């Protein structure tokens, strides 16, 4: 079963910008939706939806740090349908807004050079 769950998890990692309802993930794994949801949470400690949100936030943080794309473009590129939802979830997960995260990430390397 773990191999089947990893197949779905790998698919979410590679295509985190896509929608991944439990039914779709269950099809990838070849099991029922309810069995998949229970098994995923048991194996990885979080429900599939929360795992996907964390992957999207991780990718957004990297894009904020490594690109000059505006926050709206990053939100939509990482799979969010609403800028407001992106901002709210980003703040809940990271403790700061996307703009504040970018400013801090860009300031930290400069601070390290002056020491």
PDB file of N, CA and C in Angstrom:
ATOM      1  N   UNK A   1       0.823  -1.196   0.000  1.00  0.00           N
ATOM      2  CA  UNK A   1       0.000   0.000   0.000  1.00  0.00           C
ATOM      3  C   UNK A   1       0.871   1.265   0.000  1.00  0.00           C
ATOM      4  N   UNK A   2       1.987   1.224   0.709  1.00  0.00           N
ATOM      5  CA  UNK A   2       2.848   2.405   0.767  1.00  0.00           C
ATOM      6  C   UNK A   2       3.322   2.809  -0.628  1.00  0.00           C
ATOM      7  N   UNK A   3       3.651   1.835  -1.447  1.00  0.00           N
ATOM      8  CA  UNK A   3       4.087   2.136  -2.810  1.00  0.00           C
ATOM      9  C   UNK A   3       2.984   2.873  -3.583  1.00  0.00           C
ATOM     10  N   UNK A   4       1.744   2.470  -3.382  1.00  0.00           N
ATOM     11  CA  UNK A   4       0.608   3.130  -4.055  1.00  0.00           C
ATOM     12  C   UNK A   4       0.442   4.561  -3.554  1.00  0.00           C
ATOM     13  N   UNK A   5       0.594   4.744  -2.248  1.00  0.00           N
ATOM     14  CA  UNK A   5       0.489   6.090  -1.678  1.00  0.00           C
ATOM     15  C   UNK A   5       1.621   6.982  -2.175  1.00  0.00           C
ATOM     16  N   UNK A   6       2.812   6.428  -2.260  1.00  0.00           N
ATOM     17  CA  UNK A   6       3.948   7.202  -2.755  1.00  0.00           C
ATOM     18  C   UNK A   6       3.761   7.621  -4.208  1.00  0.00           C
ATOM     19  N   UNK A   7       3.109   6.775  -4.985  1.00  0.00           N
ATOM     20  CA  UNK A   7       2.829   7.128  -6.377  1.00  0.00           C
ATOM     21  C   UNK A   7       1.958   8.394  -6.430  1.00  0.00           C
ATOM     22  N   UNK A   8       0.925   8.446  -5.599  1.00  0.00           N
ATOM     23  CA  UNK A   8       0.049   9.624  -5.559  1.00  0.00           C
ATOM     24  C   UNK A   8       0.796  10.832  -4.992  1.00  0.00           C
ATOM     25  N   UNK A   9       1.577  10.618  -3.959  1.00  0.00           N
ATOM     26  CA  UNK A   9       2.344  11.713  -3.349  1.00  0.00           C
ATOM     27  C   UNK A   9       3.342  12.282  -4.360  1.00  0.00           C
ATOM     28  N   UNK A  10       4.012  11.425  -5.098  1.00  0.00           N
ATOM     29  CA  UNK A  10       4.948  11.879  -6.130  1.00  0.00           C
ATOM     30  C   UNK A  10       4.230  12.689  -7.207  1.00  0.00           C
ATOM     31  N   UNK A  11       3.042  12.262  -7.565  1.00  0.00           N
ATOM     32  CA  UNK A  11       2.263  12.986  -8.574  1.00  0.00           C
ATOM     33  C   UNK A  11       1.894  14.375  -8.047  1.00  0.00           C
ATOM     34  N   UNK A  12       1.496  14.458  -6.776  1.00  0.00           N
ATOM     35  CA  UNK A  12       1.183  15.769  -6.187  1.00  0.00           C
ATOM     36  C   UNK A  12       2.424  16.649  -6.147  1.00  0.00           C
ATOM     37  N   UNK A  13       3.568  16.069  -5.825  1.00  0.00           N
ATOM     38  CA  UNK A  13       4.811  16.840  -5.782  1.00  0.00           C
ATOM     39  C   UNK A  13       5.146  17.415  -7.161  1.00  0.00           C
ATOM     40  N   UNK A  14       5.012  16.606  -8.181  1.00  0.00           N
ATOM     41  CA  UNK A  14       5.380  17.024  -9.534  1.00  0.00           C
ATOM     42  C   UNK A  14       4.383  18.004 -10.141  1.00  0.00           C
ATOM     43  N   UNK A  15       3.122  17.875  -9.761  1.00  0.00           N
ATOM     44  CA  UNK A  15       2.065  18.694 -10.361  1.00  0.00           C
ATOM     45  C   UNK A  15       1.243  19.390  -9.280  1.00  0.00           C
ATOM     46  N   UNK A  16       1.912  20.010  -8.321  1.00  0.00           N
ATOM     47  CA  UNK A  16       1.214  20.617  -7.191  1.00  0.00           C
ATOM     48  C   UNK A  16       0.319  21.780  -7.610  1.00  0.00           C
ATOM     49  N   UNK A  17       0.537  22.327  -8.778  1.00  0.00           N
ATOM     50  CA  UNK A  17      -0.285  23.429  -9.268  1.00  0.00           C
ATOM     51  C   UNK A  17      -1.644  22.945  -9.778  1.00  0.00           C
ATOM     52  N   UNK A  18      -1.811  21.635  -9.938  1.00  0.00           N
ATOM     53  CA  UNK A  18      -3.081  21.078 -10.415  1.00  0.00           C
ATOM     54  C   UNK A  18      -4.003  20.770  -9.234  1.00  0.00           C
ATOM     55  N   UNK A  19      -5.286  20.607  -9.542  1.00  0.00           N
ATOM     56  CA  UNK A  19      -6.244  20.187  -8.526  1.00  0.00           C
ATOM     57  C   UNK A  19      -6.090  18.696  -8.288  1.00  0.00           C
ATOM     58  N   UNK A  20      -6.076  18.302  -7.024  1.00  0.00           N
ATOM     59  CA  UNK A  20      -5.921  16.896  -6.661  1.00  0.00           C
ATOM     60  C   UNK A  20      -6.985  16.480  -5.652  1.00  0.00           C
ATOM     61  N   UNK A  21      -8.236  16.364  -6.103  1.00  0.00           N
ATOM     62  CA  UNK A  21      -9.251  15.852  -5.174  1.00  0.00           C
ATOM     63  C   UNK A  21      -8.925  14.406  -4.794  1.00  0.00           C
ATOM     64  N   UNK A  22      -9.420  13.985  -3.654  1.00  0.00           N
ATOM     65  CA  UNK A  22      -9.114  12.645  -3.145  1.00  0.00           C
ATOM     66  C   UNK A  22      -9.482  11.571  -4.160  1.00  0.00           C
ATOM     67  N   UNK A  23     -10.583  11.732  -4.867  1.00  0.00           N
ATOM     68  CA  UNK A  23     -10.971  10.723  -5.867  1.00  0.00           C
ATOM     69  C   UNK A  23      -9.897  10.548  -6.939  1.00  0.00           C
ATOM     70  N   UNK A  24      -9.320  11.654  -7.382  1.00  0.00           N
ATOM     71  CA  UNK A  24      -8.269  11.575  -8.405  1.00  0.00           C
ATOM     72  C   UNK A  24      -7.029  10.886  -7.848  1.00  0.00           C
ATOM     73  N   UNK A  25      -6.653  11.234  -6.629  1.00  0.00           N
ATOM     74  CA  UNK A  25      -5.500  10.597  -5.993  1.00  0.00           C
ATOM     75  C   UNK A  25      -5.742   9.108  -5.778  1.00  0.00           C
ATOM     76  N   UNK A  26      -6.969   8.772  -5.398  1.00  0.00           N
ATOM     77  CA  UNK A  26      -7.319   7.364  -5.190  1.00  0.00           C
ATOM     78  C   UNK A  26      -7.190   6.579  -6.498  1.00  0.00           C
ATOM     79  N   UNK A  27      -7.593   7.196  -7.598  1.00  0.00           N
ATOM     80  CA  UNK A  27      -7.451   6.532  -8.907  1.00  0.00           C
ATOM     81  C   UNK A  27      -5.982   6.284  -9.225  1.00  0.00           C
ATOM     82  N   UNK A  28      -5.135   7.267  -8.951  1.00  0.00           N
ATOM     83  CA  UNK A  28      -3.697   7.108  -9.175  1.00  0.00           C
ATOM     84  C   UNK A  28      -3.163   5.941  -8.352  1.00  0.00           C
ATOM     85  N   UNK A  29      -3.690   5.795  -7.141  1.00  0.00           N
ATOM     86  CA  UNK A  29      -3.238   4.742  -6.225  1.00  0.00           C
ATOM     87  C   UNK A  29      -3.932   3.410  -6.435  1.00  0.00           C
ATOM     88  N   UNK A  30      -5.050   3.419  -7.143  1.00  0.00           N
ATOM     89  CA  UNK A  30      -5.777   2.176  -7.385  1.00  0.00           C
ATOM     90  C   UNK A  30      -6.559   1.667  -6.186  1.00  0.00           C
ATOM     91  N   UNK A  31      -7.020   2.595  -5.332  1.00  0.00           N
ATOM     92  CA  UNK A  31      -7.823   2.210  -4.165  1.00  0.00           C
ATOM     93  C   UNK A  31      -9.041   3.129  -4.082  1.00  0.00           C
ATOM     94  N   UNK A  32      -9.950   2.835  -3.159  1.00  0.00           N
ATOM     95  CA  UNK A  32     -11.127   3.687  -2.986  1.00  0.00           C
ATOM     96  C   UNK A  32     -10.715   5.016  -2.353  1.00  0.00           C
ATOM     97  N   UNK A  33     -11.552   6.026  -2.543  1.00  0.00           N
ATOM     98  CA  UNK A  33     -11.254   7.359  -2.015  1.00  0.00           C
ATOM     99  C   UNK A  33     -11.145   7.345  -0.493  1.00  0.00           C
ATOM    100  N   UNK A  34     -12.071   6.690   0.179  1.00  0.00           N
ATOM    101  CA  UNK A  34     -12.030   6.689   1.644  1.00  0.00           C
ATOM    102  C   UNK A  34     -10.804   5.931   2.161  1.00  0.00           C
ATOM    103  N   UNK A  35     -10.493   4.820   1.529  1.00  0.00           N
ATOM    104  CA  UNK A  35      -9.309   4.057   1.939  1.00  0.00           C
ATOM    105  C   UNK A  35      -8.044   4.878   1.694  1.00  0.00           C
ATOM    106  N   UNK A  36      -7.981   5.554   0.569  1.00  0.00           N
ATOM    107  CA  UNK A  36      -6.822   6.381   0.270  1.00  0.00           C
ATOM    108  C   UNK A  36      -6.650   7.480   1.320  1.00  0.00           C
ATOM    109  N   UNK A  37      -7.728   8.210   1.605  1.00  0.00           N
ATOM    110  CA  UNK A  37      -7.637   9.328   2.552  1.00  0.00           C
ATOM    111  C   UNK A  37      -7.156   8.858   3.922  1.00  0.00           C
ATOM    112  N   UNK A  38      -7.721   7.763   4.410  1.00  0.00           N
ATOM    113  CA  UNK A  38      -7.303   7.227   5.716  1.00  0.00           C
ATOM    114  C   UNK A  38      -5.846   6.770   5.686  1.00  0.00           C
ATOM    115  N   UNK A  39      -5.498   6.035   4.648  1.00  0.00           N
ATOM    116  CA  UNK A  39      -4.147   5.478   4.548  1.00  0.00           C
ATOM    117  C   UNK A  39      -3.101   6.566   4.383  1.00  0.00           C
ATOM    118  N   UNK A  40      -3.396   7.599   3.608  1.00  0.00           N
ATOM    119  CA  UNK A  40      -2.454   8.700   3.401  1.00  0.00           C
ATOM    120  C   UNK A  40      -2.166   9.388   4.726  1.00  0.00           C
ATOM    121  N   UNK A  41      -3.206   9.697   5.467  1.00  0.00           N
ATOM    122  CA  UNK A  41      -3.003  10.379   6.739  1.00  0.00           C
ATOM    123  C   UNK A  41      -2.220   9.497   7.716  1.00  0.00           C
ATOM    124  N   UNK A  42      -2.504   8.218   7.737  1.00  0.00           N
ATOM    125  CA  UNK A  42      -1.764   7.313   8.618  1.00  0.00           C
ATOM    126  C   UNK A  42      -0.288   7.249   8.214  1.00  0.00           C
ATOM    127  N   UNK A  43      -0.034   7.195   6.925  1.00  0.00           N
ATOM    128  CA  UNK A  43       1.346   7.043   6.445  1.00  0.00           C
ATOM    129  C   UNK A  43       2.172   8.318   6.579  1.00  0.00           C
ATOM    130  N   UNK A  44       1.560   9.474   6.310  1.00  0.00           N
ATOM    131  CA  UNK A  44       2.320  10.721   6.237  1.00  0.00           C
ATOM    132  C   UNK A  44       1.987  11.734   7.325  1.00  0.00           C
ATOM    133  N   UNK A  45       0.997  11.433   8.154  1.00  0.00           N
ATOM    134  CA  UNK A  45       0.685  12.298   9.291  1.00  0.00           C
ATOM    135  C   UNK A  45      -0.164  13.508   8.999  1.00  0.00           C
ATOM    136  N   UNK A  46      -0.530  13.720   7.741  1.00  0.00           N
ATOM    137  CA  UNK A  46      -1.401  14.833   7.356  1.00  0.00           C
ATOM    138  C   UNK A  46      -2.364  14.347   6.284  1.00  0.00           C
ATOM    139  N   UNK A  47      -3.542  14.960   6.203  1.00  0.00           N
ATOM    140  CA  UNK A  47      -4.460  14.600   5.124  1.00  0.00           C
ATOM    141  C   UNK A  47      -3.885  15.032   3.770  1.00  0.00           C
ATOM    142  N   UNK A  48      -4.313  14.399   2.687  1.00  0.00           N
ATOM    143  CA  UNK A  48      -3.780  14.748   1.358  1.00  0.00           C
ATOM    144  C   UNK A  48      -3.927  16.222   1.016  1.00  0.00           C
ATOM    145  N   UNK A  49      -5.050  16.819   1.366  1.00  0.00           N
ATOM    146  CA  UNK A  49      -5.273  18.228   1.023  1.00  0.00           C
ATOM    147  C   UNK A  49      -4.259  19.125   1.733  1.00  0.00           C
ATOM    148  N   UNK A  50      -4.001  18.858   2.995  1.00  0.00           N
ATOM    149  CA  UNK A  50      -3.030  19.672   3.740  1.00  0.00           C
ATOM    150  C   UNK A  50      -1.627  19.472   3.184  1.00  0.00           C
ATOM    151  N   UNK A  51      -1.305  18.260   2.787  1.00  0.00           N
ATOM    152  CA  UNK A  51      -0.001  18.003   2.183  1.00  0.00           C
ATOM    153  C   UNK A  51       0.157  18.830   0.907  1.00  0.00           C
ATOM    154  N   UNK A  52      -0.875  18.838   0.073  1.00  0.00           N
ATOM    155  CA  UNK A  52      -0.834  19.603  -1.174  1.00  0.00           C
ATOM    156  C   UNK A  52      -0.672  21.095  -0.892  1.00  0.00           C
ATOM    157  N   UNK A  53      -1.401  21.611   0.087  1.00  0.00           N
ATOM    158  CA  UNK A  53      -1.266  23.028   0.435  1.00  0.00           C
ATOM    159  C   UNK A  53       0.163  23.348   0.871  1.00  0.00           C
ATOM    160  N   UNK A  54       0.762  22.472   1.658  1.00  0.00           N
ATOM    161  CA  UNK A  54       2.130  22.730   2.110  1.00  0.00           C
ATOM    162  C   UNK A  54       3.116  22.713   0.943  1.00  0.00           C
ATOM    163  N   UNK A  55       2.912  21.832  -0.018  1.00  0.00           N
ATOM    164  CA  UNK A  55       3.778  21.809  -1.207  1.00  0.00           C
ATOM    165  C   UNK A  55       3.636  23.104  -1.995  1.00  0.00           C
ATOM    166  N   UNK A  56       2.399  23.590  -2.134  1.00  0.00           N
ATOM    167  CA  UNK A  56       2.178  24.840  -2.872  1.00  0.00           C
ATOM    168  C   UNK A  56       2.849  26.010  -2.163  1.00  0.00           C
ATOM    169  N   UNK A  57       2.746  26.043  -0.843  1.00  0.00           N
ATOM    170  CA  UNK A  57       3.370  27.128  -0.082  1.00  0.00           C
ATOM    171  C   UNK A  57       4.888  27.048  -0.207  1.00  0.00           C
ATOM    172  N   UNK A  58       5.461  25.861  -0.130  1.00  0.00           N
ATOM    173  CA  UNK A  58       6.914  25.703  -0.289  1.00  0.00           C
ATOM    174  C   UNK A  58       7.370  26.215  -1.646  1.00  0.00           C
ATOM    175  N   UNK A  59       6.618  25.865  -2.685  1.00  0.00           N
ATOM    176  CA  UNK A  59       6.976  26.318  -4.036  1.00  0.00           C
ATOM    177  C   UNK A  59       6.840  27.836  -4.154  1.00  0.00           C
ATOM    178  N   UNK A  60       5.774  28.389  -3.560  1.00  0.00           N
ATOM    179  CA  UNK A  60       5.575  29.837  -3.601  1.00  0.00           C
ATOM    180  C   UNK A  60       6.714  30.554  -2.872  1.00  0.00           C
ATOM    181  N   UNK A  61       7.144  30.029  -1.727  1.00  0.00           N
ATOM    182  CA  UNK A  61       8.260  30.641  -0.999  1.00  0.00           C
ATOM    183  C   UNK A  61       9.528  30.650  -1.850  1.00  0.00           C
ATOM    184  N   UNK A  62       9.782  29.554  -2.542  1.00  0.00           N
ATOM    185  CA  UNK A  62      10.965  29.495  -3.412  1.00  0.00           C
ATOM    186  C   UNK A  62      10.855  30.509  -4.544  1.00  0.00           C
ATOM    187  N   UNK A  63       9.670  30.645  -5.121  1.00  0.00           N
ATOM    188  CA  UNK A  63       9.496  31.607  -6.208  1.00  0.00           C
ATOM    189  C   UNK A  63       9.617  33.040  -5.698  1.00  0.00           C
ATOM    190  N   UNK A  64       9.115  33.311  -4.503  1.00  0.00           N
ATOM    191  CA  UNK A  64       9.259  34.649  -3.925  1.00  0.00           C
ATOM    192  C   UNK A  64      10.731  34.987  -3.713  1.00  0.00           C
ATOM    193  N   UNK A  65      11.494  33.996  -3.295  1.00  0.00           N
ATOM    194  CA  UNK A  65      12.920  34.195  -3.023  1.00  0.00           C
ATOM    195  C   UNK A  65      13.739  34.294  -4.312  1.00  0.00           C
ATOM    196  N   UNK A  66      13.414  33.453  -5.299  1.00  0.00           N
ATOM    197  CA  UNK A  66      14.295  33.267  -6.452  1.00  0.00           C
ATOM    198  C   UNK A  66      13.867  33.969  -7.737  1.00  0.00           C
ATOM    199  N   UNK A  67      12.683  34.573  -7.757  1.00  0.00           N
ATOM    200  CA  UNK A  67      12.220  35.239  -8.974  1.00  0.00           C
ATOM    201  C   UNK A  67      11.740  36.648  -8.664  1.00  0.00           C
ATOM    202  N   UNK A  68      11.491  37.394  -9.710  1.00  0.00           N
ATOM    203  CA  UNK A  68      10.915  38.731  -9.567  1.00  0.00           C
ATOM    204  C   UNK A  68       9.438  38.739  -9.954  1.00  0.00           C
ATOM    205  N   UNK A  69       8.825  37.565 -10.097  1.00  0.00           N
ATOM    206  CA  UNK A  69       7.402  37.508 -10.444  1.00  0.00           C
ATOM    207  C   UNK A  69       6.597  38.200  -9.357  1.00  0.00           C
ATOM    208  N   UNK A  70       5.506  38.873  -9.764  1.00  0.00           N
ATOM    209  CA  UNK A  70       4.690  39.496  -8.733  1.00  0.00           C
ATOM    210  C   UNK A  70       3.900  38.426  -7.972  1.00  0.00           C
ATOM    211  N   UNK A  71       3.399  38.807  -6.820  1.00  0.00           N
ATOM    212  CA  UNK A  71       2.730  37.868  -5.926  1.00  0.00           C
ATOM    213  C   UNK A  71       1.520  37.230  -6.601  1.00  0.00           C
ATOM    214  N   UNK A  72       0.795  37.995  -7.394  1.00  0.00           N
ATOM    215  CA  UNK A  72      -0.382  37.447  -8.085  1.00  0.00           C
ATOM    216  C   UNK A  72       0.026  36.337  -9.049  1.00  0.00           C
ATOM    217  N   UNK A  73       1.074  36.567  -9.815  1.00  0.00           N
ATOM    218  CA  UNK A  73       1.539  35.545 -10.756  1.00  0.00           C
ATOM    219  C   UNK A  73       1.992  34.290 -10.015  1.00  0.00           C
ATOM    220  N   UNK A  74       2.668  34.469  -8.909  1.00  0.00           N
ATOM    221  CA  UNK A  74       3.121  33.320  -8.115  1.00  0.00           C
ATOM    222  C   UNK A  74       1.927  32.556  -7.565  1.00  0.00           C
ATOM    223  N   UNK A  75       0.930  33.271  -7.069  1.00  0.00           N
ATOM    224  CA  UNK A  75      -0.266  32.615  -6.524  1.00  0.00           C
ATOM    225  C   UNK A  75      -0.912  31.725  -7.578  1.00  0.00           C
ATOM    226  N   UNK A  76      -1.130  32.259  -8.753  1.00  0.00           N
ATOM    227  CA  UNK A  76      -1.801  31.475  -9.789  1.00  0.00           C
ATOM    228  C   UNK A  76      -0.897  30.383 -10.350  1.00  0.00           C
ATOM    229  N   UNK A  77       0.398  30.648 -10.438  1.00  0.00           N
ATOM    230  CA  UNK A  77       1.334  29.647 -10.947  1.00  0.00           C
ATOM    231  C   UNK A  77       1.460  28.450 -10.013  1.00  0.00           C
ATOM    232  N   UNK A  78       1.255  28.670  -8.737  1.00  0.00           N
ATOM    233  CA  UNK A  78       1.361  27.573  -7.774  1.00  0.00           C
ATOM    234  C   UNK A  78       0.026  26.881  -7.509  1.00  0.00           C
ATOM    235  N   UNK A  79      -1.001  27.233  -8.270  1.00  0.00           N
ATOM    236  CA  UNK A  79      -2.248  26.479  -8.212  1.00  0.00           C
ATOM    237  C   UNK A  79      -3.390  27.104  -7.455  1.00  0.00           C
ATOM    238  N   UNK A  80      -3.231  28.309  -6.961  1.00  0.00           N
ATOM    239  CA  UNK A  80      -4.312  28.955  -6.227  1.00  0.00           C
ATOM    240  C   UNK A  80      -5.274  29.595  -7.203  1.00  0.00           C
ATOM    241  N   UNK A  81      -6.536  29.536  -6.904  1.00  0.00           N
ATOM    242  CA  UNK A  81      -7.580  30.122  -7.757  1.00  0.00           C
ATOM    243  C   UNK A  81      -7.906  31.552  -7.333  1.00  0.00           C
ATOM    244  N   UNK A  82      -7.481  31.929  -6.129  1.00  0.00           N
ATOM    245  CA  UNK A  82      -7.808  33.240  -5.573  1.00  0.00           C
ATOM    246  C   UNK A  82      -6.586  33.809  -4.869  1.00  0.00           C
ATOM    247  N   UNK A  83      -6.277  35.048  -5.160  1.00  0.00           N
ATOM    248  CA  UNK A  83      -5.161  35.722  -4.500  1.00  0.00           C
ATOM    249  C   UNK A  83      -5.430  35.863  -3.011  1.00  0.00           C
ATOM    250  N   UNK A  84      -6.677  36.136  -2.649  1.00  0.00           N
ATOM    251  CA  UNK A  84      -7.034  36.274  -1.236  1.00  0.00           C
ATOM    252  C   UNK A  84      -6.814  34.989  -0.456  1.00  0.00           C
ATOM    253  N   UNK A  85      -7.222  33.874  -1.035  1.00  0.00           N
ATOM    254  CA  UNK A  85      -7.029  32.580  -0.375  1.00  0.00           C
ATOM    255  C   UNK A  85      -5.551  32.272  -0.255  1.00  0.00           C
ATOM    256  N   UNK A  86      -4.805  32.526  -1.311  1.00  0.00           N
ATOM    257  CA  UNK A  86      -3.360  32.313  -1.267  1.00  0.00           C
ATOM    258  C   UNK A  86      -2.732  33.107  -0.117  1.00  0.00           C
ATOM    259  N   UNK A  87      -3.047  34.392  -0.048  1.00  0.00           N
ATOM    260  CA  UNK A  87      -2.478  35.239   0.990  1.00  0.00           C
ATOM    261  C   UNK A  87      -2.850  34.783   2.389  1.00  0.00           C
ATOM    262  N   UNK A  88      -4.116  34.405   2.570  1.00  0.00           N
ATOM    263  CA  UNK A  88      -4.586  33.967   3.888  1.00  0.00           C
ATOM    264  C   UNK A  88      -3.891  32.676   4.319  1.00  0.00           C
ATOM    265  N   UNK A  89      -3.844  31.684   3.409  1.00  0.00           N
ATOM    266  CA  UNK A  89      -3.215  30.408   3.743  1.00  0.00           C
ATOM    267  C   UNK A  89      -1.710  30.589   3.923  1.00  0.00           C
ATOM    268  N   UNK A  90      -1.097  31.392   3.086  1.00  0.00           N
ATOM    269  CA  UNK A  90       0.343  31.647   3.209  1.00  0.00           C
ATOM    270  C   UNK A  90       0.657  32.221   4.590  1.00  0.00           C
ATOM    271  N   UNK A  91      -0.119  33.208   5.011  1.00  0.00           N
ATOM    272  CA  UNK A  91       0.105  33.834   6.319  1.00  0.00           C
ATOM    273  C   UNK A  91      -0.135  32.836   7.451  1.00  0.00           C
ATOM    274  N   UNK A  92      -1.171  32.014   7.326  1.00  0.00           N
ATOM    275  CA  UNK A  92      -1.478  31.017   8.357  1.00  0.00           C
ATOM    276  C   UNK A  92      -0.331  30.015   8.504  1.00  0.00           C
ATOM    277  N   UNK A  93       0.211  29.581   7.369  1.00  0.00           N
ATOM    278  CA  UNK A  93       1.266  28.560   7.389  1.00  0.00           C
ATOM    279  C   UNK A  93       2.615  29.148   7.798  1.00  0.00           C
ATOM    280  N   UNK A  94       2.962  30.313   7.263  1.00  0.00           N
ATOM    281  CA  UNK A  94       4.309  30.862   7.477  1.00  0.00           C
ATOM    282  C   UNK A  94       4.391  31.923   8.566  1.00  0.00           C
ATOM    283  N   UNK A  95       3.257  32.514   8.912  1.00  0.00           N
ATOM    284  CA  UNK A  95       3.264  33.574   9.911  1.00  0.00           C
ATOM    285  C   UNK A  95       3.528  34.955   9.348  1.00  0.00           C
ATOM    286  N   UNK A  96       3.645  35.057   8.021  1.00  0.00           N
ATOM    287  CA  UNK A  96       3.869  36.355   7.385  1.00  0.00           C
ATOM    288  C   UNK A  96       3.229  36.376   6.010  1.00  0.00           C
ATOM    289  N   UNK A  97       3.029  37.567   5.500  1.00  0.00           N
ATOM    290  CA  UNK A  97       2.440  37.703   4.165  1.00  0.00           C
ATOM    291  C   UNK A  97       3.479  37.331   3.105  1.00  0.00           C
ATOM    292  N   UNK A  98       3.027  37.022   1.885  1.00  0.00           N
ATOM    293  CA  UNK A  98       3.990  36.743   0.813  1.00  0.00           C
ATOM    294  C   UNK A  98       4.961  37.908   0.573  1.00  0.00           C
ATOM    295  N   UNK A  99       4.459  39.128   0.630  1.00  0.00           N
ATOM    296  CA  UNK A  99       5.305  40.297   0.407  1.00  0.00           C
ATOM    297  C   UNK A  99       6.350  40.439   1.513  1.00  0.00           C
ATOM    298  N   UNK A 100       5.936  40.217   2.750  1.00  0.00           N
ATOM    299  CA  UNK A 100       6.884  40.286   3.870  1.00  0.00           C
ATOM    300  C   UNK A 100       7.923  39.168   3.775  1.00  0.00           C
ATOM    301  N   UNK A 101       7.492  37.997   3.352  1.00  0.00           N
ATOM    302  CA  UNK A 101       8.417  36.868   3.177  1.00  0.00           C
ATOM    303  C   UNK A 101       9.473  37.213   2.131  1.00  0.00           C
ATOM    304  N   UNK A 102       9.030  37.779   1.014  1.00  0.00           N
ATOM    305  CA  UNK A 102       9.975  38.164  -0.039  1.00  0.00           C
ATOM    306  C   UNK A 102      10.967  39.202   0.476  1.00  0.00           C
ATOM    307  N   UNK A 103      10.479  40.204   1.166  1.00  0.00           N
ATOM    308  CA  UNK A 103      11.357  41.263   1.673  1.00  0.00           C
ATOM    309  C   UNK A 103      12.382  40.683   2.645  1.00  0.00           C
ATOM    310  N   UNK A 104      11.942  39.808   3.550  1.00  0.00           N
ATOM    311  CA  UNK A 104      12.862  39.201   4.511  1.00  0.00           C
ATOM    312  C   UNK A 104      13.888  38.323   3.809  1.00  0.00           C
ATOM    313  N   UNK A 105      13.437  37.505   2.857  1.00  0.00           N
ATOM    314  CA  UNK A 105      14.346  36.603   2.135  1.00  0.00           C
ATOM    315  C   UNK A 105      15.391  37.386   1.349  1.00  0.00           C
ATOM    316  N   UNK A 106      14.999  38.519   0.787  1.00  0.00           N
ATOM    317  CA  UNK A 106      15.936  39.315   0.000  1.00  0.00           C
ATOM    318  C   UNK A 106      16.882  40.105   0.896  1.00  0.00           C
ATOM    319  N   UNK A 107      16.446  40.414   2.106  1.00  0.00           N
ATOM    320  CA  UNK A 107      17.283  41.171   3.041  1.00  0.00           C
ATOM    321  C   UNK A 107      18.306  40.273   3.731  1.00  0.00           C
ATOM    322  N   UNK A 108      17.936  39.034   4.037  1.00  0.00           N
ATOM    323  CA  UNK A 108      18.835  38.131   4.775  1.00  0.00           C
ATOM    324  C   UNK A 108      20.170  37.898   4.088  1.00  0.00           C
ATOM    325  N   UNK A 109      20.224  37.631   2.768  1.00  0.00           N
ATOM    326  CA  UNK A 109      21.548  37.455   2.153  1.00  0.00           C
ATOM    327  C   UNK A 109      22.404  38.712   2.261  1.00  0.00           C
ATOM    328  N   UNK A 110      21.791  39.886   2.153  1.00  0.00           N
ATOM    329  CA  UNK A 110      22.537  41.127   2.267  1.00  0.00           C
ATOM    330  C   UNK A 110      23.092  41.311   3.672  1.00  0.00           C
ATOM    331  N   UNK A 111      22.286  40.913   4.671  1.00  0.00           N
ATOM    332  CA  UNK A 111      22.716  41.029   6.066  1.00  0.00           C
ATOM    333  C   UNK A 111      23.921  40.112   6.309  1.00  0.00           C
ATOM    334  N   UNK A 112      23.923  38.945   5.702  1.00  0.00           N
ATOM    335  CA  UNK A 112      25.022  37.995   5.882  1.00  0.00           C
ATOM    336  C   UNK A 112      26.335  38.503   5.288  1.00  0.00           C
ATOM    337  N   UNK A 113      26.256  39.287   4.218  1.00  0.00           N
ATOM    338  CA  UNK A 113      27.454  39.800   3.573  1.00  0.00           C
ATOM    339  C   UNK A 113      28.118  40.898   4.392  1.00  0.00           C
ATOM    340  N   UNK A 114      27.347  41.625   5.194  1.00  0.00           N
ATOM    341  CA  UNK A 114      27.908  42.743   5.924  1.00  0.00           C
ATOM    342  C   UNK A 114      28.554  42.327   7.248  1.00  0.00           C
ATOM    343  N   UNK A 115      28.440  41.076   7.612  1.00  0.00           N
ATOM    344  CA  UNK A 115      29.006  40.617   8.903  1.00  0.00           C
ATOM    345  C   UNK A 115      30.466  40.352   8.828  1.00  0.00           C
TER     346      UNK A 115
END
